């Protein structure tokens, strides 16, 4: 199945949500947030970054739908980024990794890197008596850095090949790659427990050939901290009130888009991830709302005089926006 840019917009209009026993069309405000994510995801990364700040009556579920638009758009674009392969290349020998092979998940340890025929290869030790060499640029997205160290067995054993949720089959052009490869589409800075509750409890449906295929929003968002240990992911989350260890993204991969949810997230993290476009979601009822607005107004005063990128999107009722570019 090939999904083009117009199909992504069409998917937005066909998305449903479950209410008791019925499937209802998404409210207009949800579709506007998805469209915002799609439009910002279509912008190139260049010498400027876009900042889109929204003042919301409430930020509930806004993050979910903005991120949904970002992932749907970027998952259906070809992967041209070398950032992730360079991140894997920077890992020291002995790092535990998981490789998503066509036969299943293989646990191993980085044995080293070598150059051959103008390509960089990674060697992964799978067991005492076995290893494999992979072209790094082609296969990096199938490699995940493990959360814990592995003790190698005499012979490797592969985990089962994951099943593909029907909602993913209906939403992305390459469902197998989507669930077996890591690509960081979006970094979300927010209160983690609230986001987890929203993405796990929101059941989305999509009409396909007269029937509804469904699943939790997490099926599409694939947030690293929520999908399971050592699983490929599409989004990462950083706590808005994080400790020093979570103040920075624990890998040198610049996310195309960062979503800063809440005034405190913005005030604490706005200066990070300089190459990322920013979507800032401010709840008017927050205590620090005005401080965040004042900071944004100051940044707006230093914006680029002439915009290079202008996204087109509609705002939900009751939402105000500030959109500007700044040099990186």
C-alpha atoms as a PDB file:
ATOM      1  CA  UNK A   1       0.000   0.000   0.000  1.00  0.00           C
ATOM      2  CA  UNK A   2       1.312   3.435  -0.948  1.00  0.00           C
ATOM      3  CA  UNK A   3       0.009   6.433   0.975  1.00  0.00           C
ATOM      4  CA  UNK A   4       0.651   9.910  -0.441  1.00  0.00           C
ATOM      5  CA  UNK A   5       0.299  13.358   1.085  1.00  0.00           C
ATOM      6  CA  UNK A   6      -3.355  13.682   0.153  1.00  0.00           C
ATOM      7  CA  UNK A   7      -4.105  10.289   1.720  1.00  0.00           C
ATOM      8  CA  UNK A   8      -2.758  11.497   5.069  1.00  0.00           C
ATOM      9  CA  UNK A   9      -5.289  14.321   5.056  1.00  0.00           C
ATOM     10  CA  UNK A  10      -7.936  11.810   4.011  1.00  0.00           C
ATOM     11  CA  UNK A  11      -7.029   9.512   6.909  1.00  0.00           C
ATOM     12  CA  UNK A  12      -7.640  12.455   9.217  1.00  0.00           C
ATOM     13  CA  UNK A  13     -11.209  12.813   7.957  1.00  0.00           C
ATOM     14  CA  UNK A  14     -11.835   9.053   8.306  1.00  0.00           C
ATOM     15  CA  UNK A  15     -10.526   8.647  11.841  1.00  0.00           C
ATOM     16  CA  UNK A  16     -13.121   7.715  14.451  1.00  0.00           C
ATOM     17  CA  UNK A  17     -13.144   7.430  18.216  1.00  0.00           C
ATOM     18  CA  UNK A  18     -15.081   4.971  20.322  1.00  0.00           C
ATOM     19  CA  UNK A  19     -17.781   6.269  22.636  1.00  0.00           C
ATOM     20  CA  UNK A  20     -19.490   3.462  24.546  1.00  0.00           C
ATOM     21  CA  UNK A  21     -20.568   1.070  21.738  1.00  0.00           C
ATOM     22  CA  UNK A  22     -20.513   3.614  18.912  1.00  0.00           C
ATOM     23  CA  UNK A  23     -17.855   4.905  16.527  1.00  0.00           C
ATOM     24  CA  UNK A  24     -18.081   8.676  16.118  1.00  0.00           C
ATOM     25  CA  UNK A  25     -16.237  11.079  13.821  1.00  0.00           C
ATOM     26  CA  UNK A  26     -13.440  12.986  15.488  1.00  0.00           C
ATOM     27  CA  UNK A  27     -14.525  16.444  16.641  1.00  0.00           C
ATOM     28  CA  UNK A  28     -13.342  19.303  14.464  1.00  0.00           C
ATOM     29  CA  UNK A  29     -10.850  20.492  17.102  1.00  0.00           C
ATOM     30  CA  UNK A  30      -9.126  17.091  17.059  1.00  0.00           C
ATOM     31  CA  UNK A  31      -8.768  17.208  13.275  1.00  0.00           C
ATOM     32  CA  UNK A  32      -7.342  20.747  13.489  1.00  0.00           C
ATOM     33  CA  UNK A  33      -4.642  19.555  15.887  1.00  0.00           C
ATOM     34  CA  UNK A  34      -3.814  16.613  13.599  1.00  0.00           C
ATOM     35  CA  UNK A  35      -3.582  18.986  10.628  1.00  0.00           C
ATOM     36  CA  UNK A  36      -1.221  21.226  12.607  1.00  0.00           C
ATOM     37  CA  UNK A  37       1.062  18.257  13.243  1.00  0.00           C
ATOM     38  CA  UNK A  38       0.953  17.263   9.568  1.00  0.00           C
ATOM     39  CA  UNK A  39       1.759  20.761   8.328  1.00  0.00           C
ATOM     40  CA  UNK A  40       4.700  21.317  10.679  1.00  0.00           C
ATOM     41  CA  UNK A  41       6.048  17.825   9.861  1.00  0.00           C
ATOM     42  CA  UNK A  42       6.123  18.774   6.172  1.00  0.00           C
ATOM     43  CA  UNK A  43       8.472  21.679   6.795  1.00  0.00           C
ATOM     44  CA  UNK A  44      12.141  21.124   5.971  1.00  0.00           C
ATOM     45  CA  UNK A  45      14.875  21.463   8.561  1.00  0.00           C
ATOM     46  CA  UNK A  46      17.003  24.419   7.471  1.00  0.00           C
ATOM     47  CA  UNK A  47      18.859  27.410   8.860  1.00  0.00           C
ATOM     48  CA  UNK A  48      15.749  28.565  10.706  1.00  0.00           C
ATOM     49  CA  UNK A  49      13.253  26.833  12.913  1.00  0.00           C
ATOM     50  CA  UNK A  50       9.557  27.486  13.253  1.00  0.00           C
ATOM     51  CA  UNK A  51       7.923  28.130  16.603  1.00  0.00           C
ATOM     52  CA  UNK A  52       4.166  27.648  16.836  1.00  0.00           C
ATOM     53  CA  UNK A  53       2.756  28.649  20.226  1.00  0.00           C
ATOM     54  CA  UNK A  54      -0.895  28.000  21.065  1.00  0.00           C
ATOM     55  CA  UNK A  55      -2.833  29.404  24.018  1.00  0.00           C
ATOM     56  CA  UNK A  56      -5.495  26.787  24.833  1.00  0.00           C
ATOM     57  CA  UNK A  57      -8.554  26.760  27.098  1.00  0.00           C
ATOM     58  CA  UNK A  58      -7.304  23.296  28.103  1.00  0.00           C
ATOM     59  CA  UNK A  59      -4.385  21.214  26.881  1.00  0.00           C
ATOM     60  CA  UNK A  60      -6.187  17.888  27.407  1.00  0.00           C
ATOM     61  CA  UNK A  61      -5.652  15.560  24.411  1.00  0.00           C
ATOM     62  CA  UNK A  62      -4.110  18.342  22.293  1.00  0.00           C
ATOM     63  CA  UNK A  63      -0.666  16.732  22.570  1.00  0.00           C
ATOM     64  CA  UNK A  64      -2.001  13.348  21.478  1.00  0.00           C
ATOM     65  CA  UNK A  65      -3.577  14.651  18.278  1.00  0.00           C
ATOM     66  CA  UNK A  66      -0.739  17.015  17.325  1.00  0.00           C
ATOM     67  CA  UNK A  67       1.743  14.148  17.748  1.00  0.00           C
ATOM     68  CA  UNK A  68      -0.556  11.847  15.777  1.00  0.00           C
ATOM     69  CA  UNK A  69      -0.394  14.198  12.793  1.00  0.00           C
ATOM     70  CA  UNK A  70       3.403  14.398  13.031  1.00  0.00           C
ATOM     71  CA  UNK A  71       3.877  10.621  13.140  1.00  0.00           C
ATOM     72  CA  UNK A  72       1.376   9.875  10.377  1.00  0.00           C
ATOM     73  CA  UNK A  73       3.091  12.383   8.091  1.00  0.00           C
ATOM     74  CA  UNK A  74       6.709  11.441   8.799  1.00  0.00           C
ATOM     75  CA  UNK A  75       6.035   7.692   8.836  1.00  0.00           C
ATOM     76  CA  UNK A  76       4.883   7.983   5.235  1.00  0.00           C
ATOM     77  CA  UNK A  77       7.923   9.950   4.095  1.00  0.00           C
ATOM     78  CA  UNK A  78      11.191   8.307   3.012  1.00  0.00           C
ATOM     79  CA  UNK A  79      13.793   8.206   5.767  1.00  0.00           C
ATOM     80  CA  UNK A  80      16.753  10.354   4.686  1.00  0.00           C
ATOM     81  CA  UNK A  81      18.213  11.156   8.105  1.00  0.00           C
ATOM     82  CA  UNK A  82      21.717   9.943   8.998  1.00  0.00           C
ATOM     83  CA  UNK A  83      21.437  11.117  12.600  1.00  0.00           C
ATOM     84  CA  UNK A  84      20.396   7.775  14.012  1.00  0.00           C
ATOM     85  CA  UNK A  85      23.096   5.780  12.242  1.00  0.00           C
ATOM     86  CA  UNK A  86      25.671   8.271  13.530  1.00  0.00           C
ATOM     87  CA  UNK A  87      24.251   7.788  17.020  1.00  0.00           C
ATOM     88  CA  UNK A  88      24.686   4.014  16.738  1.00  0.00           C
ATOM     89  CA  UNK A  89      28.206   4.572  15.384  1.00  0.00           C
ATOM     90  CA  UNK A  90      29.055   6.641  18.467  1.00  0.00           C
ATOM     91  CA  UNK A  91      28.308   3.772  20.862  1.00  0.00           C
ATOM     92  CA  UNK A  92      31.291   2.084  22.530  1.00  0.00           C
ATOM     93  CA  UNK A  93      32.232  -1.530  21.945  1.00  0.00           C
ATOM     94  CA  UNK A  94      30.346  -3.718  24.413  1.00  0.00           C
ATOM     95  CA  UNK A  95      27.059  -1.793  24.193  1.00  0.00           C
ATOM     96  CA  UNK A  96      24.038  -4.110  24.390  1.00  0.00           C
ATOM     97  CA  UNK A  97      21.632  -3.779  21.458  1.00  0.00           C
ATOM     98  CA  UNK A  98      18.529  -5.390  19.978  1.00  0.00           C
ATOM     99  CA  UNK A  99      18.409  -6.022  16.234  1.00  0.00           C
ATOM    100  CA  UNK A 100      14.998  -6.395  14.601  1.00  0.00           C
ATOM    101  CA  UNK A 101      15.696  -9.096  12.000  1.00  0.00           C
ATOM    102  CA  UNK A 102      13.065 -10.434   9.578  1.00  0.00           C
ATOM    103  CA  UNK A 103      13.005 -13.597  11.726  1.00  0.00           C
ATOM    104  CA  UNK A 104      12.517 -11.755  15.017  1.00  0.00           C
ATOM    105  CA  UNK A 105      14.357  -9.782  17.694  1.00  0.00           C
ATOM    106  CA  UNK A 106      18.024 -10.671  18.264  1.00  0.00           C
ATOM    107  CA  UNK A 107      19.902  -9.563  21.383  1.00  0.00           C
ATOM    108  CA  UNK A 108      23.595  -8.859  21.071  1.00  0.00           C
ATOM    109  CA  UNK A 109      26.596  -6.718  21.908  1.00  0.00           C
ATOM    110  CA  UNK A 110      28.427  -4.292  19.629  1.00  0.00           C
ATOM    111  CA  UNK A 111      31.718  -5.915  18.732  1.00  0.00           C
ATOM    112  CA  UNK A 112      33.001  -3.070  16.594  1.00  0.00           C
ATOM    113  CA  UNK A 113      32.732  -1.158  13.328  1.00  0.00           C
ATOM    114  CA  UNK A 114      34.638  -1.688  10.089  1.00  0.00           C
ATOM    115  CA  UNK A 115      34.923  -0.096   6.673  1.00  0.00           C
ATOM    116  CA  UNK A 116      34.456  -2.234   3.564  1.00  0.00           C
ATOM    117  CA  UNK A 117      33.787  -1.242  -0.053  1.00  0.00           C
ATOM    118  CA  UNK A 118      33.169   2.364   0.965  1.00  0.00           C
ATOM    119  CA  UNK A 119      30.547   1.419   3.569  1.00  0.00           C
ATOM    120  CA  UNK A 120      30.561   1.286   7.358  1.00  0.00           C
ATOM    121  CA  UNK A 121      29.519  -2.039   8.848  1.00  0.00           C
ATOM    122  CA  UNK A 122      28.550  -2.810  12.421  1.00  0.00           C
ATOM    123  CA  UNK A 123      29.496  -6.156  13.910  1.00  0.00           C
ATOM    124  CA  UNK A 124      27.124  -7.485  16.559  1.00  0.00           C
ATOM    125  CA  UNK A 125      28.090 -10.431  18.726  1.00  0.00           C
ATOM    126  CA  UNK A 126      24.960 -12.585  19.159  1.00  0.00           C
ATOM    127  CA  UNK A 127      26.443 -15.456  21.101  1.00  0.00           C
ATOM    128  CA  UNK A 128      29.707 -17.006  22.122  1.00  0.00           C
ATOM    129  CA  UNK A 129      29.980 -18.670  18.727  1.00  0.00           C
ATOM    130  CA  UNK A 130      28.115 -16.328  16.400  1.00  0.00           C
ATOM    131  CA  UNK A 131      28.012 -12.728  15.174  1.00  0.00           C
ATOM    132  CA  UNK A 132      26.700 -10.796  12.214  1.00  0.00           C
ATOM    133  CA  UNK A 133      27.895  -7.809  10.186  1.00  0.00           C
ATOM    134  CA  UNK A 134      25.372  -5.292   8.875  1.00  0.00           C
ATOM    135  CA  UNK A 135      25.688  -2.209   6.633  1.00  0.00           C
ATOM    136  CA  UNK A 136      25.154   0.496   9.226  1.00  0.00           C
ATOM    137  CA  UNK A 137      23.373   3.154   7.176  1.00  0.00           C
ATOM    138  CA  UNK A 138      20.883   0.633   5.768  1.00  0.00           C
ATOM    139  CA  UNK A 139      20.166  -1.218   9.004  1.00  0.00           C
ATOM    140  CA  UNK A 140      20.651   1.326  11.802  1.00  0.00           C
ATOM    141  CA  UNK A 141      16.925   1.966  12.163  1.00  0.00           C
ATOM    142  CA  UNK A 142      16.481  -1.724  13.033  1.00  0.00           C
ATOM    143  CA  UNK A 143      18.949  -1.458  15.932  1.00  0.00           C
ATOM    144  CA  UNK A 144      17.839  -0.288  19.375  1.00  0.00           C
ATOM    145  CA  UNK A 145      20.173   0.446  22.269  1.00  0.00           C
ATOM    146  CA  UNK A 146      19.112  -1.858  25.097  1.00  0.00           C
ATOM    147  CA  UNK A 147      18.020  -0.544  28.482  1.00  0.00           C
ATOM    148  CA  UNK A 148      20.093  -3.187  30.247  1.00  0.00           C
ATOM    149  CA  UNK A 149      23.247  -5.226  29.650  1.00  0.00           C
ATOM    150  CA  UNK A 150      22.947  -8.670  28.074  1.00  0.00           C
ATOM    151  CA  UNK A 151      24.813 -11.810  28.999  1.00  0.00           C
ATOM    152  CA  UNK A 152      25.439 -13.730  25.797  1.00  0.00           C
ATOM    153  CA  UNK A 153      24.430 -17.342  25.514  1.00  0.00           C
ATOM    154  CA  UNK A 154      26.292 -20.012  23.552  1.00  0.00           C
ATOM    155  CA  UNK A 155      23.825 -19.726  20.675  1.00  0.00           C
ATOM    156  CA  UNK A 156      21.504 -16.807  19.864  1.00  0.00           C
ATOM    157  CA  UNK A 157      17.770 -17.121  20.073  1.00  0.00           C
ATOM    158  CA  UNK A 158      15.439 -14.770  18.269  1.00  0.00           C
ATOM    159  CA  UNK A 159      12.299 -13.385  19.802  1.00  0.00           C
ATOM    160  CA  UNK A 160       9.040 -13.709  17.950  1.00  0.00           C
ATOM    161  CA  UNK A 161       8.245 -11.447  15.011  1.00  0.00           C
ATOM    162  CA  UNK A 162       5.769  -8.843  16.323  1.00  0.00           C
ATOM    163  CA  UNK A 163       2.277  -8.851  14.891  1.00  0.00           C
ATOM    164  CA  UNK A 164       1.179  -5.720  13.068  1.00  0.00           C
ATOM    165  CA  UNK A 165      -1.922  -4.008  14.522  1.00  0.00           C
ATOM    166  CA  UNK A 166      -4.650  -3.483  11.930  1.00  0.00           C
ATOM    167  CA  UNK A 167      -4.754   0.244  12.694  1.00  0.00           C
ATOM    168  CA  UNK A 168      -1.121   0.519  11.611  1.00  0.00           C
ATOM    169  CA  UNK A 169      -1.744  -1.510   8.445  1.00  0.00           C
ATOM    170  CA  UNK A 170      -4.432   0.991   7.472  1.00  0.00           C
ATOM    171  CA  UNK A 171      -2.414   4.103   8.368  1.00  0.00           C
ATOM    172  CA  UNK A 172       1.165   3.766   7.097  1.00  0.00           C
ATOM    173  CA  UNK A 173       2.684   2.752   3.786  1.00  0.00           C
ATOM    174  CA  UNK A 174       5.166   0.232   5.216  1.00  0.00           C
ATOM    175  CA  UNK A 175       3.656  -1.344   8.347  1.00  0.00           C
ATOM    176  CA  UNK A 176       6.496  -3.837   8.851  1.00  0.00           C
ATOM    177  CA  UNK A 177       9.150  -1.117   8.832  1.00  0.00           C
ATOM    178  CA  UNK A 178       6.996   1.001  11.112  1.00  0.00           C
ATOM    179  CA  UNK A 179       6.982  -1.536  13.949  1.00  0.00           C
ATOM    180  CA  UNK A 180      10.512  -2.896  13.452  1.00  0.00           C
ATOM    181  CA  UNK A 181      12.515   0.285  12.857  1.00  0.00           C
ATOM    182  CA  UNK A 182      13.333   3.210  15.128  1.00  0.00           C
ATOM    183  CA  UNK A 183      12.927   6.726  13.752  1.00  0.00           C
ATOM    184  CA  UNK A 184      12.571   9.654  16.110  1.00  0.00           C
ATOM    185  CA  UNK A 185       9.756  11.757  14.651  1.00  0.00           C
ATOM    186  CA  UNK A 186       8.788  13.733  17.709  1.00  0.00           C
ATOM    187  CA  UNK A 187      10.037  14.608  21.191  1.00  0.00           C
ATOM    188  CA  UNK A 188       7.344  15.449  23.742  1.00  0.00           C
ATOM    189  CA  UNK A 189       8.119  17.360  26.938  1.00  0.00           C
ATOM    190  CA  UNK A 190       5.177  16.953  29.287  1.00  0.00           C
ATOM    191  CA  UNK A 191       3.834  15.330  32.436  1.00  0.00           C
ATOM    192  CA  UNK A 192       4.454  11.688  31.578  1.00  0.00           C
ATOM    193  CA  UNK A 193       1.629  10.111  33.594  1.00  0.00           C
ATOM    194  CA  UNK A 194      -1.024  12.312  31.952  1.00  0.00           C
ATOM    195  CA  UNK A 195       0.223  11.560  28.455  1.00  0.00           C
ATOM    196  CA  UNK A 196       0.388   7.823  29.159  1.00  0.00           C
ATOM    197  CA  UNK A 197      -3.212   7.834  30.348  1.00  0.00           C
ATOM    198  CA  UNK A 198      -4.409   9.649  27.220  1.00  0.00           C
ATOM    199  CA  UNK A 199      -2.566   7.566  24.620  1.00  0.00           C
ATOM    200  CA  UNK A 200      -3.435   4.247  26.237  1.00  0.00           C
ATOM    201  CA  UNK A 201      -7.114   4.985  26.885  1.00  0.00           C
ATOM    202  CA  UNK A 202      -7.963   6.731  23.589  1.00  0.00           C
ATOM    203  CA  UNK A 203      -9.204   4.078  21.141  1.00  0.00           C
ATOM    204  CA  UNK A 204      -9.107   5.193  17.514  1.00  0.00           C
ATOM    205  CA  UNK A 205     -10.802   3.555  14.548  1.00  0.00           C
ATOM    206  CA  UNK A 206     -10.399   3.806  10.790  1.00  0.00           C
ATOM    207  CA  UNK A 207     -12.921   2.579   8.240  1.00  0.00           C
ATOM    208  CA  UNK A 208     -11.390   0.106   5.792  1.00  0.00           C
ATOM    209  CA  UNK A 209     -13.536  -1.671   3.214  1.00  0.00           C
ATOM    210  CA  UNK A 210     -16.717  -1.134   5.145  1.00  0.00           C
ATOM    211  CA  UNK A 211     -15.451  -2.159   8.570  1.00  0.00           C
ATOM    212  CA  UNK A 212     -13.703  -0.356  11.427  1.00  0.00           C
ATOM    213  CA  UNK A 213     -10.180  -1.391  12.384  1.00  0.00           C
ATOM    214  CA  UNK A 214      -9.176  -0.020  15.739  1.00  0.00           C
ATOM    215  CA  UNK A 215      -6.527   0.256  18.420  1.00  0.00           C
ATOM    216  CA  UNK A 216      -5.160   2.609  21.077  1.00  0.00           C
ATOM    217  CA  UNK A 217      -3.520   5.822  19.915  1.00  0.00           C
ATOM    218  CA  UNK A 218      -0.277   4.380  21.277  1.00  0.00           C
ATOM    219  CA  UNK A 219      -0.228   1.880  18.388  1.00  0.00           C
ATOM    220  CA  UNK A 220       0.560   4.765  16.029  1.00  0.00           C
ATOM    221  CA  UNK A 221       2.492   7.076  18.348  1.00  0.00           C
ATOM    222  CA  UNK A 222       4.848   4.292  19.551  1.00  0.00           C
ATOM    223  CA  UNK A 223       6.277   6.342  22.425  1.00  0.00           C
ATOM    224  CA  UNK A 224       9.516   4.734  23.559  1.00  0.00           C
ATOM    225  CA  UNK A 225       8.785   4.727  27.288  1.00  0.00           C
ATOM    226  CA  UNK A 226       5.322   3.183  26.773  1.00  0.00           C
ATOM    227  CA  UNK A 227       5.759   0.492  24.063  1.00  0.00           C
ATOM    228  CA  UNK A 228       8.006  -1.813  26.089  1.00  0.00           C
ATOM    229  CA  UNK A 229      11.651  -2.425  26.811  1.00  0.00           C
ATOM    230  CA  UNK A 230      14.000  -2.333  23.802  1.00  0.00           C
ATOM    231  CA  UNK A 231      11.158  -1.857  21.294  1.00  0.00           C
ATOM    232  CA  UNK A 232      11.500   0.344  18.184  1.00  0.00           C
ATOM    233  CA  UNK A 233       9.821   3.693  18.649  1.00  0.00           C
ATOM    234  CA  UNK A 234       8.677   6.855  16.850  1.00  0.00           C
ATOM    235  CA  UNK A 235       8.334   9.312  19.763  1.00  0.00           C
ATOM    236  CA  UNK A 236      10.144   9.929  23.016  1.00  0.00           C
ATOM    237  CA  UNK A 237       8.950  11.752  26.106  1.00  0.00           C
ATOM    238  CA  UNK A 238      10.904  13.895  28.566  1.00  0.00           C
ATOM    239  CA  UNK A 239       9.390  14.858  31.916  1.00  0.00           C
ATOM    240  CA  UNK A 240       8.539  18.549  32.181  1.00  0.00           C
ATOM    241  CA  UNK A 241       9.721  18.525  35.791  1.00  0.00           C
ATOM    242  CA  UNK A 242      12.613  16.181  35.028  1.00  0.00           C
ATOM    243  CA  UNK A 243      15.724  15.757  37.113  1.00  0.00           C
ATOM    244  CA  UNK A 244      19.140  16.667  35.767  1.00  0.00           C
ATOM    245  CA  UNK A 245      19.328  13.257  34.069  1.00  0.00           C
ATOM    246  CA  UNK A 246      16.209  13.935  32.002  1.00  0.00           C
ATOM    247  CA  UNK A 247      16.918  17.560  31.182  1.00  0.00           C
ATOM    248  CA  UNK A 248      18.489  16.570  27.888  1.00  0.00           C
ATOM    249  CA  UNK A 249      17.577  13.924  25.363  1.00  0.00           C
ATOM    250  CA  UNK A 250      19.819  10.967  26.167  1.00  0.00           C
ATOM    251  CA  UNK A 251      21.077  10.632  22.622  1.00  0.00           C
ATOM    252  CA  UNK A 252      22.567  13.131  20.156  1.00  0.00           C
ATOM    253  CA  UNK A 253      19.693  12.752  17.697  1.00  0.00           C
ATOM    254  CA  UNK A 254      17.857  15.965  16.968  1.00  0.00           C
ATOM    255  CA  UNK A 255      14.094  15.359  16.718  1.00  0.00           C
ATOM    256  CA  UNK A 256      12.480  17.046  13.703  1.00  0.00           C
ATOM    257  CA  UNK A 257       9.806  18.459  16.009  1.00  0.00           C
ATOM    258  CA  UNK A 258       9.621  19.106  19.733  1.00  0.00           C
ATOM    259  CA  UNK A 259       6.271  19.539  21.488  1.00  0.00           C
ATOM    260  CA  UNK A 260       6.531  21.541  24.710  1.00  0.00           C
ATOM    261  CA  UNK A 261       3.391  20.984  26.757  1.00  0.00           C
ATOM    262  CA  UNK A 262       2.674  23.530  29.458  1.00  0.00           C
ATOM    263  CA  UNK A 263       4.283  26.732  30.626  1.00  0.00           C
ATOM    264  CA  UNK A 264       6.859  25.005  32.807  1.00  0.00           C
ATOM    265  CA  UNK A 265       7.934  22.695  29.990  1.00  0.00           C
ATOM    266  CA  UNK A 266       8.431  25.710  27.767  1.00  0.00           C
ATOM    267  CA  UNK A 267      10.280  27.847  30.312  1.00  0.00           C
ATOM    268  CA  UNK A 268      12.627  25.033  31.282  1.00  0.00           C
ATOM    269  CA  UNK A 269      13.321  23.480  27.871  1.00  0.00           C
ATOM    270  CA  UNK A 270      12.716  26.043  25.110  1.00  0.00           C
ATOM    271  CA  UNK A 271      16.426  26.682  24.539  1.00  0.00           C
ATOM    272  CA  UNK A 272      17.221  23.016  23.815  1.00  0.00           C
ATOM    273  CA  UNK A 273      17.141  21.004  20.579  1.00  0.00           C
ATOM    274  CA  UNK A 274      17.968  24.010  18.414  1.00  0.00           C
ATOM    275  CA  UNK A 275      17.440  22.203  15.096  1.00  0.00           C
ATOM    276  CA  UNK A 276      13.882  21.169  15.951  1.00  0.00           C
ATOM    277  CA  UNK A 277      10.743  23.010  14.982  1.00  0.00           C
ATOM    278  CA  UNK A 278       8.741  23.725  18.137  1.00  0.00           C
ATOM    279  CA  UNK A 279       5.059  23.376  18.901  1.00  0.00           C
ATOM    280  CA  UNK A 280       4.253  24.975  22.259  1.00  0.00           C
ATOM    281  CA  UNK A 281       0.950  24.174  23.968  1.00  0.00           C
ATOM    282  CA  UNK A 282       0.086  26.560  26.810  1.00  0.00           C
ATOM    283  CA  UNK A 283      -2.931  26.071  29.063  1.00  0.00           C
ATOM    284  CA  UNK A 284      -4.444  29.447  29.999  1.00  0.00           C
ATOM    285  CA  UNK A 285      -5.266  28.181  33.496  1.00  0.00           C
ATOM    286  CA  UNK A 286      -1.627  27.451  34.407  1.00  0.00           C
ATOM    287  CA  UNK A 287       0.029  29.520  37.106  1.00  0.00           C
ATOM    288  CA  UNK A 288       3.099  30.148  34.917  1.00  0.00           C
ATOM    289  CA  UNK A 289       1.073  30.937  31.775  1.00  0.00           C
ATOM    290  CA  UNK A 290       1.837  34.673  31.751  1.00  0.00           C
ATOM    291  CA  UNK A 291       5.562  34.103  32.355  1.00  0.00           C
ATOM    292  CA  UNK A 292       5.650  31.818  29.323  1.00  0.00           C
ATOM    293  CA  UNK A 293       3.749  34.357  27.220  1.00  0.00           C
ATOM    294  CA  UNK A 294       6.182  37.108  28.248  1.00  0.00           C
ATOM    295  CA  UNK A 295       9.130  34.921  27.255  1.00  0.00           C
ATOM    296  CA  UNK A 296       7.533  34.138  23.890  1.00  0.00           C
ATOM    297  CA  UNK A 297       6.846  37.828  23.257  1.00  0.00           C
ATOM    298  CA  UNK A 298      10.513  38.570  23.886  1.00  0.00           C
ATOM    299  CA  UNK A 299      11.547  35.837  21.426  1.00  0.00           C
ATOM    300  CA  UNK A 300       9.040  37.173  18.914  1.00  0.00           C
ATOM    301  CA  UNK A 301      10.804  40.521  19.079  1.00  0.00           C
ATOM    302  CA  UNK A 302      13.977  38.804  17.819  1.00  0.00           C
ATOM    303  CA  UNK A 303      12.261  36.814  15.069  1.00  0.00           C
ATOM    304  CA  UNK A 304      13.409  36.769  11.464  1.00  0.00           C
ATOM    305  CA  UNK A 305      12.049  39.767   9.604  1.00  0.00           C
ATOM    306  CA  UNK A 306      11.252  37.690   6.531  1.00  0.00           C
ATOM    307  CA  UNK A 307       9.703  34.272   6.933  1.00  0.00           C
ATOM    308  CA  UNK A 308      11.027  31.433   4.832  1.00  0.00           C
ATOM    309  CA  UNK A 309       8.419  28.890   5.925  1.00  0.00           C
ATOM    310  CA  UNK A 310       4.739  29.552   6.529  1.00  0.00           C
ATOM    311  CA  UNK A 311       2.538  26.579   7.493  1.00  0.00           C
ATOM    312  CA  UNK A 312      -1.169  26.618   6.718  1.00  0.00           C
ATOM    313  CA  UNK A 313      -3.541  25.329   9.386  1.00  0.00           C
ATOM    314  CA  UNK A 314      -6.818  26.133  11.111  1.00  0.00           C
ATOM    315  CA  UNK A 315      -7.196  26.769  14.832  1.00  0.00           C
ATOM    316  CA  UNK A 316      -9.851  25.252  17.079  1.00  0.00           C
ATOM    317  CA  UNK A 317     -12.307  27.742  18.535  1.00  0.00           C
ATOM    318  CA  UNK A 318     -10.991  29.558  21.585  1.00  0.00           C
ATOM    319  CA  UNK A 319      -7.333  29.014  20.662  1.00  0.00           C
ATOM    320  CA  UNK A 320      -4.900  31.857  19.953  1.00  0.00           C
ATOM    321  CA  UNK A 321      -1.623  31.353  18.124  1.00  0.00           C
ATOM    322  CA  UNK A 322       1.751  32.997  17.665  1.00  0.00           C
ATOM    323  CA  UNK A 323       3.835  31.743  14.723  1.00  0.00           C
ATOM    324  CA  UNK A 324       7.324  32.949  13.894  1.00  0.00           C
ATOM    325  CA  UNK A 325      10.753  31.858  12.713  1.00  0.00           C
ATOM    326  CA  UNK A 326      14.078  32.280  14.384  1.00  0.00           C
ATOM    327  CA  UNK A 327      17.588  31.651  13.171  1.00  0.00           C
ATOM    328  CA  UNK A 328      19.301  28.574  14.566  1.00  0.00           C
END
